[in-house]
Protein backbone atom coordinates (compact mmCIF):
# COMPACT_ATOMS: atom_id res chain seq x y z
CA MET A 1 103.46 122.97 69.41
CA ALA A 2 102.22 119.05 71.32
CA GLN A 3 104.92 116.64 73.06
CA LEU A 4 104.79 113.05 72.65
CA VAL A 5 103.35 111.76 76.72
CA ALA A 6 103.23 108.07 76.34
CA GLN A 7 100.04 106.43 78.08
CA ASN A 8 101.66 105.14 81.29
CA CYS A 9 103.83 108.06 82.09
CA LEU A 10 100.65 110.31 81.89
CA GLY A 11 98.73 108.64 84.42
CA LEU A 12 101.70 108.62 86.78
CA LYS A 13 101.67 112.14 86.04
CA ILE A 14 98.40 113.06 86.56
CA GLY A 15 98.03 110.56 89.85
CA SER A 16 95.96 108.09 88.12
CA THR A 17 95.84 105.56 85.57
CA ILE A 18 94.43 106.94 82.39
CA GLU A 19 92.92 104.43 79.84
CA PRO A 20 93.65 104.94 76.01
CA LYS A 21 90.22 105.67 75.37
CA GLN A 22 89.97 108.42 78.11
CA VAL A 23 92.84 109.93 76.12
CA GLU A 24 91.25 109.71 72.45
CA SER A 25 87.39 111.31 74.43
CA LEU A 26 89.60 114.24 76.05
CA ASP A 27 91.11 113.94 72.40
CA ARG A 28 87.37 114.63 71.01
CA LEU A 29 86.43 116.98 73.65
CA ALA A 30 89.33 119.46 72.31
CA GLN A 31 88.28 119.20 69.36
CA THR A 32 85.29 120.25 69.31
CA GLN A 33 84.99 123.32 72.18
CA PRO A 34 85.02 126.94 71.11
CA THR A 35 88.71 128.25 72.41
CA GLY A 36 88.96 129.81 75.84
CA GLN A 37 85.67 127.53 76.52
CA LEU A 38 88.73 124.54 77.80
CA TYR A 39 91.32 125.58 80.96
CA TRP A 40 94.93 123.93 79.45
CA TYR A 41 97.48 123.32 82.06
CA GLU A 42 101.69 123.38 81.87
CA LEU A 43 103.21 120.33 82.11
CA ALA A 44 106.76 119.59 81.47
CA ILE A 45 107.10 116.75 80.08
CA PRO A 46 110.38 114.25 79.48
CA GLU A 47 111.13 112.84 75.88
CA LEU A 48 109.18 109.58 75.18
CA THR A 49 112.41 107.23 75.55
CA GLU A 50 112.69 109.50 79.71
CA GLN A 51 108.75 108.44 80.00
CA ARG A 52 109.29 104.98 78.83
CA ALA A 53 112.38 104.59 81.15
CA ILE A 54 109.90 106.26 84.52
CA ALA A 55 106.95 103.77 84.02
CA ASN A 56 109.60 100.91 83.22
CA ALA A 57 111.21 101.44 87.20
CA VAL A 58 107.53 102.76 88.17
CA ASP A 59 106.40 99.15 86.96
CA GLU A 60 109.56 97.66 88.34
CA VAL A 61 109.08 99.15 92.03
CA VAL A 62 105.62 98.54 92.21
CA ALA A 63 106.45 93.88 91.14
CA TYR A 64 109.29 94.47 94.09
CA SER A 65 106.87 95.95 96.36
CA GLN A 66 104.35 93.02 96.15
CA LYS A 67 106.46 90.71 95.73
CA LEU A 68 107.92 91.83 99.37
CA GLU A 69 104.15 91.71 101.02
CA THR A 70 103.69 88.50 99.40
CA ILE A 71 107.09 87.67 101.51
CA TYR A 72 105.80 89.24 104.58
CA THR A 73 102.56 87.66 104.50
CA GLN A 74 104.04 84.15 104.59
CA LYS A 75 106.02 85.13 107.33
CA LEU A 76 103.54 86.63 109.48
CA ALA A 77 101.56 83.43 108.37
CA ASN A 78 104.35 80.55 108.93
CA LEU A 79 105.21 82.63 112.25
CA ASP A 80 101.08 82.12 113.34
CA GLU A 81 101.71 78.63 112.95
CA LEU A 82 105.47 78.64 115.28
CA LYS A 83 103.23 80.16 117.36
CA GLN A 84 99.67 77.31 118.12
CA SER A 85 102.28 75.06 117.66
CA LEU A 86 104.43 76.07 120.44
CA LEU A 87 101.19 76.40 122.41
CA GLN A 88 100.30 73.55 121.34
CA LYS A 89 103.63 71.61 122.25
CA ALA A 90 103.08 74.34 126.32
CA PHE A 91 99.81 72.85 127.15
CA ALA A 92 100.68 69.00 126.51
CA GLY A 93 103.83 68.84 128.15
CA GLN A 94 106.39 68.81 125.78
CA LEU A 95 108.35 71.85 126.32
CA THR A 96 110.28 70.09 129.54
CA ALA A 97 114.32 70.68 130.15
CA ARG A 98 115.65 68.20 129.77
CA GLU A 99 118.05 66.82 132.14
CA GLU A 100 121.77 66.25 130.91
CA THR A 101 122.74 62.17 132.44
CA ALA A 102 126.73 62.53 133.31
CA ALA A 103 129.22 59.55 131.77
């Protein structure tokens, strides 16, 4: 008995993105080949609702990691800007210690 596989979960299972056209193409190939010419692999496939939950969780992790990457890149740019500003002030003599005047 064939089990349903969510297309976005199938890509996760195999480790690459599989487009709907590729799934249809594989299905047509399987229907046209004589028995014994295709190798079939048995996969442990969770229920469709669990597949969707897994795919959604992975999508959330990917989105979060992209957000973190953006923040990290911005912080690196900010640090570089600060470094340039400090160097500019140092060479202009603006980083000297201030003397406190006794009152």
